[in-house]
């Protein structure tokens, strides 16, 4: 399965909020993250904790997937070194948070 990257700007208060909200809901639906139990949360901190309990389980399978990503992590030919290092650090942090 190929990962899909969605390009959407952070809401800046200047653009039309309703249009931005519709775009965000479309992305959530496409990625399967739009759940009724998530949409009822009112504050961002409660929503974040709810998303962590739903999707960031610290299981053996997640740990193995992250280790596999680390062992097969390679730099692409056209990739910037800064981006490669950022991805590598993110991967190490994710692995550290699970263990």
N, C-alpha and C. Protein backbone atom coordinates (compact mmCIF):
# COMPACT_ATOMS: atom_id res chain seq x y z
N UNK A 1 0.85 -1.17 0.00
CA UNK A 1 0.00 0.00 0.00
C UNK A 1 0.89 1.23 0.00
N UNK A 2 0.64 2.15 -0.91
CA UNK A 2 1.44 3.37 -1.01
C UNK A 2 0.85 4.44 -0.10
N UNK A 3 1.73 5.18 0.54
CA UNK A 3 1.28 6.27 1.41
C UNK A 3 0.90 7.47 0.55
N UNK A 4 -0.19 8.10 0.87
CA UNK A 4 -0.66 9.26 0.14
C UNK A 4 -0.39 10.50 0.96
N UNK A 5 0.18 11.51 0.33
CA UNK A 5 0.49 12.76 1.01
C UNK A 5 -0.56 13.79 0.61
N UNK A 6 -1.16 14.40 1.60
CA UNK A 6 -2.16 15.44 1.35
C UNK A 6 -1.54 16.79 1.65
N UNK A 7 -1.63 17.69 0.69
CA UNK A 7 -1.09 19.03 0.86
C UNK A 7 -2.24 19.97 1.24
N UNK A 8 -2.21 20.47 2.45
CA UNK A 8 -3.22 21.44 2.88
C UNK A 8 -2.53 22.41 3.84
N UNK A 9 -2.79 23.67 3.64
CA UNK A 9 -2.14 24.68 4.47
C UNK A 9 -2.78 24.73 5.85
N UNK A 10 -1.99 25.11 6.83
CA UNK A 10 -2.49 25.34 8.18
C UNK A 10 -3.44 26.54 8.13
N UNK A 11 -4.54 26.47 8.85
CA UNK A 11 -5.49 27.58 8.84
C UNK A 11 -4.85 28.82 9.43
N UNK A 12 -4.86 29.90 8.66
CA UNK A 12 -4.16 31.12 9.07
C UNK A 12 -5.10 32.23 9.54
N UNK A 13 -6.39 32.02 9.52
CA UNK A 13 -7.34 33.03 9.97
C UNK A 13 -7.73 34.01 8.88
N UNK A 14 -7.05 33.95 7.75
CA UNK A 14 -7.35 34.87 6.65
C UNK A 14 -8.22 34.18 5.61
N UNK A 15 -7.93 32.94 5.31
CA UNK A 15 -8.70 32.22 4.30
C UNK A 15 -10.08 31.85 4.84
N UNK A 16 -10.93 31.40 3.95
CA UNK A 16 -12.30 31.03 4.30
C UNK A 16 -12.27 29.76 5.18
N UNK A 17 -12.73 29.87 6.41
CA UNK A 17 -12.69 28.75 7.34
C UNK A 17 -13.58 27.61 6.88
N UNK A 18 -14.76 27.91 6.33
CA UNK A 18 -15.67 26.85 5.90
C UNK A 18 -15.05 26.01 4.79
N UNK A 19 -14.39 26.65 3.85
CA UNK A 19 -13.72 25.91 2.78
C UNK A 19 -12.58 25.05 3.35
N UNK A 20 -11.79 25.61 4.25
CA UNK A 20 -10.70 24.88 4.88
C UNK A 20 -11.25 23.67 5.66
N UNK A 21 -12.35 23.87 6.35
CA UNK A 21 -12.96 22.80 7.15
C UNK A 21 -13.45 21.67 6.25
N UNK A 22 -14.04 22.00 5.12
CA UNK A 22 -14.51 20.98 4.18
C UNK A 22 -13.33 20.18 3.64
N UNK A 23 -12.23 20.87 3.32
CA UNK A 23 -11.04 20.17 2.83
C UNK A 23 -10.49 19.22 3.89
N UNK A 24 -10.43 19.68 5.14
CA UNK A 24 -9.92 18.84 6.23
C UNK A 24 -10.81 17.61 6.44
N UNK A 25 -12.12 17.79 6.40
CA UNK A 25 -13.03 16.65 6.56
C UNK A 25 -12.86 15.66 5.42
N UNK A 26 -12.64 16.16 4.20
CA UNK A 26 -12.43 15.26 3.07
C UNK A 26 -11.17 14.43 3.26
N UNK A 27 -10.12 15.06 3.77
CA UNK A 27 -8.88 14.32 4.02
C UNK A 27 -9.10 13.29 5.12
N UNK A 28 -9.80 13.67 6.18
CA UNK A 28 -10.06 12.73 7.27
C UNK A 28 -10.88 11.54 6.79
N UNK A 29 -11.85 11.78 5.92
CA UNK A 29 -12.66 10.69 5.39
C UNK A 29 -11.81 9.77 4.52
N UNK A 30 -10.97 10.35 3.65
CA UNK A 30 -10.13 9.56 2.75
C UNK A 30 -9.12 8.72 3.51
N UNK A 31 -8.60 9.23 4.61
CA UNK A 31 -7.61 8.48 5.38
C UNK A 31 -8.25 7.56 6.41
N UNK A 32 -9.54 7.64 6.57
CA UNK A 32 -10.23 6.77 7.51
C UNK A 32 -10.14 7.23 8.95
N UNK A 33 -9.74 8.47 9.18
CA UNK A 33 -9.61 8.98 10.55
C UNK A 33 -10.88 9.63 11.07
N UNK A 34 -11.85 9.85 10.21
CA UNK A 34 -13.08 10.51 10.66
C UNK A 34 -13.95 9.46 11.36
N UNK A 35 -13.97 9.52 12.64
CA UNK A 35 -14.76 8.62 13.46
C UNK A 35 -15.69 9.45 14.33
N UNK A 36 -16.85 8.91 14.63
CA UNK A 36 -17.81 9.62 15.45
C UNK A 36 -17.25 9.91 16.83
N UNK A 37 -16.53 8.95 17.41
CA UNK A 37 -15.99 9.16 18.76
C UNK A 37 -14.91 10.24 18.78
N UNK A 38 -14.28 10.53 17.67
CA UNK A 38 -13.28 11.59 17.60
C UNK A 38 -13.94 12.94 17.41
N UNK A 39 -14.99 13.00 16.63
CA UNK A 39 -15.63 14.28 16.31
C UNK A 39 -16.40 14.88 17.49
N UNK A 40 -16.67 14.11 18.52
CA UNK A 40 -17.43 14.66 19.66
C UNK A 40 -16.55 15.43 20.63
N UNK A 41 -15.23 15.29 20.50
CA UNK A 41 -14.32 15.97 21.41
C UNK A 41 -14.32 17.47 21.13
N UNK A 42 -14.26 18.28 22.19
CA UNK A 42 -14.38 19.73 22.05
C UNK A 42 -13.04 20.46 22.06
N UNK A 43 -12.07 19.99 22.84
CA UNK A 43 -10.80 20.70 22.92
C UNK A 43 -9.72 19.91 22.20
N UNK A 44 -8.68 20.60 21.77
CA UNK A 44 -7.62 19.94 21.02
C UNK A 44 -6.84 18.96 21.89
N UNK A 45 -6.66 19.26 23.17
CA UNK A 45 -5.90 18.35 24.03
C UNK A 45 -6.67 17.04 24.26
N UNK A 46 -7.96 17.13 24.45
CA UNK A 46 -8.78 15.92 24.62
C UNK A 46 -8.81 15.13 23.32
N UNK A 47 -8.92 15.83 22.20
CA UNK A 47 -8.93 15.18 20.89
C UNK A 47 -7.60 14.46 20.65
N UNK A 48 -6.50 15.11 20.98
CA UNK A 48 -5.18 14.51 20.79
C UNK A 48 -5.04 13.24 21.63
N UNK A 49 -5.47 13.28 22.88
CA UNK A 49 -5.40 12.09 23.74
C UNK A 49 -6.27 10.97 23.19
N UNK A 50 -7.44 11.33 22.67
CA UNK A 50 -8.34 10.34 22.09
C UNK A 50 -7.72 9.68 20.86
N UNK A 51 -7.10 10.49 19.99
CA UNK A 51 -6.43 9.95 18.81
C UNK A 51 -5.27 9.03 19.20
N UNK A 52 -4.54 9.39 20.25
CA UNK A 52 -3.45 8.53 20.72
C UNK A 52 -3.96 7.18 21.19
N UNK A 53 -5.07 7.18 21.91
CA UNK A 53 -5.60 5.91 22.40
C UNK A 53 -6.12 5.06 21.24
N UNK A 54 -6.64 5.70 20.19
CA UNK A 54 -7.18 4.95 19.06
C UNK A 54 -6.09 4.44 18.12
N UNK A 55 -5.06 5.25 17.87
CA UNK A 55 -4.14 4.95 16.78
C UNK A 55 -2.68 4.75 17.21
N UNK A 56 -2.29 5.15 18.38
CA UNK A 56 -0.88 5.07 18.77
C UNK A 56 -0.66 4.02 19.84
N UNK A 57 -1.18 2.86 19.62
CA UNK A 57 -0.99 1.80 20.60
C UNK A 57 0.47 1.36 20.59
N UNK A 58 0.98 1.05 21.75
CA UNK A 58 2.38 0.65 21.88
C UNK A 58 2.46 -0.87 21.85
N UNK A 59 2.19 -1.43 20.70
CA UNK A 59 2.16 -2.87 20.58
C UNK A 59 3.45 -3.40 19.96
N UNK A 60 3.62 -4.68 20.05
CA UNK A 60 4.78 -5.34 19.46
C UNK A 60 4.78 -5.15 17.95
N UNK A 61 3.62 -5.21 17.33
CA UNK A 61 3.53 -5.05 15.87
C UNK A 61 4.02 -3.67 15.44
N UNK A 62 3.62 -2.64 16.18
CA UNK A 62 4.09 -1.28 15.85
C UNK A 62 5.60 -1.17 16.01
N UNK A 63 6.12 -1.75 17.05
CA UNK A 63 7.56 -1.71 17.29
C UNK A 63 8.31 -2.42 16.16
N UNK A 64 7.80 -3.56 15.73
CA UNK A 64 8.44 -4.30 14.64
C UNK A 64 8.39 -3.54 13.33
N UNK A 65 7.28 -2.89 13.05
CA UNK A 65 7.16 -2.09 11.82
C UNK A 65 8.15 -0.94 11.84
N UNK A 66 8.27 -0.25 12.97
CA UNK A 66 9.22 0.85 13.06
C UNK A 66 10.66 0.37 12.93
N UNK A 67 10.98 -0.77 13.52
CA UNK A 67 12.33 -1.30 13.38
C UNK A 67 12.62 -1.70 11.94
N UNK A 68 11.62 -2.26 11.28
CA UNK A 68 11.80 -2.61 9.87
C UNK A 68 12.04 -1.36 9.03
N UNK A 69 11.29 -0.28 9.30
CA UNK A 69 11.50 0.98 8.58
C UNK A 69 12.92 1.51 8.83
N UNK A 70 13.38 1.39 10.07
CA UNK A 70 14.71 1.88 10.41
C UNK A 70 15.78 1.08 9.66
N UNK A 71 15.65 -0.24 9.63
CA UNK A 71 16.66 -1.08 8.99
C UNK A 71 16.68 -0.93 7.48
N UNK A 72 15.56 -0.55 6.89
CA UNK A 72 15.50 -0.40 5.44
C UNK A 72 15.50 1.07 5.00
N UNK A 73 15.76 1.97 5.93
CA UNK A 73 15.73 3.40 5.64
C UNK A 73 16.92 3.79 4.76
N UNK A 74 16.64 4.34 3.59
CA UNK A 74 17.67 4.75 2.65
C UNK A 74 17.34 6.14 2.12
N UNK A 75 18.38 6.85 1.75
CA UNK A 75 18.20 8.18 1.18
C UNK A 75 17.96 8.07 -0.32
N UNK A 76 16.94 8.78 -0.80
CA UNK A 76 16.67 8.82 -2.23
C UNK A 76 17.68 9.73 -2.92
N UNK A 77 17.90 9.48 -4.19
CA UNK A 77 18.91 10.23 -4.93
C UNK A 77 18.61 11.72 -5.01
N UNK A 78 17.36 12.09 -5.19
CA UNK A 78 17.01 13.50 -5.38
C UNK A 78 16.58 14.18 -4.07
N UNK A 79 16.71 13.49 -2.97
CA UNK A 79 16.26 14.02 -1.68
C UNK A 79 17.32 14.92 -1.05
N UNK A 80 16.88 15.97 -0.40
CA UNK A 80 17.79 16.86 0.30
C UNK A 80 18.29 16.19 1.58
N UNK A 81 19.54 16.45 1.92
CA UNK A 81 20.11 15.85 3.13
C UNK A 81 19.35 16.28 4.38
N UNK A 82 18.92 17.54 4.43
CA UNK A 82 18.17 18.05 5.57
C UNK A 82 16.86 17.26 5.76
N UNK A 83 16.15 16.98 4.66
CA UNK A 83 14.91 16.21 4.75
C UNK A 83 15.17 14.78 5.19
N UNK A 84 16.25 14.20 4.68
CA UNK A 84 16.61 12.83 5.05
C UNK A 84 16.92 12.74 6.55
N UNK A 85 17.68 13.69 7.05
CA UNK A 85 18.03 13.69 8.48
C UNK A 85 16.79 13.91 9.34
N UNK A 86 15.89 14.80 8.92
CA UNK A 86 14.64 15.01 9.67
C UNK A 86 13.80 13.75 9.72
N UNK A 87 13.70 13.04 8.61
CA UNK A 87 12.93 11.79 8.59
C UNK A 87 13.58 10.74 9.48
N UNK A 88 14.91 10.69 9.46
CA UNK A 88 15.63 9.73 10.28
C UNK A 88 15.42 10.01 11.77
N UNK A 89 15.51 11.27 12.15
CA UNK A 89 15.31 11.66 13.56
C UNK A 89 13.88 11.36 13.99
N UNK A 90 12.92 11.65 13.12
CA UNK A 90 11.51 11.36 13.42
C UNK A 90 11.31 9.86 13.64
N UNK A 91 11.91 9.06 12.79
CA UNK A 91 11.80 7.61 12.92
C UNK A 91 12.41 7.13 14.23
N UNK A 92 13.58 7.67 14.60
CA UNK A 92 14.20 7.30 15.88
C UNK A 92 13.34 7.73 17.07
N UNK A 93 12.76 8.91 16.99
CA UNK A 93 11.89 9.38 18.08
C UNK A 93 10.64 8.51 18.21
N UNK A 94 10.06 8.13 17.08
CA UNK A 94 8.89 7.25 17.12
C UNK A 94 9.23 5.91 17.76
N UNK A 95 10.36 5.37 17.38
CA UNK A 95 10.79 4.11 17.95
C UNK A 95 11.07 4.24 19.45
N UNK A 96 11.69 5.34 19.84
CA UNK A 96 11.99 5.59 21.25
C UNK A 96 10.70 5.75 22.06
N UNK A 97 9.69 6.40 21.49
CA UNK A 97 8.42 6.59 22.20
C UNK A 97 7.67 5.27 22.41
N UNK A 98 7.81 4.34 21.51
CA UNK A 98 7.14 3.05 21.67
C UNK A 98 7.87 2.20 22.69
N UNK A 99 9.19 2.24 22.68
CA UNK A 99 9.96 1.43 23.62
C UNK A 99 10.14 2.19 24.90
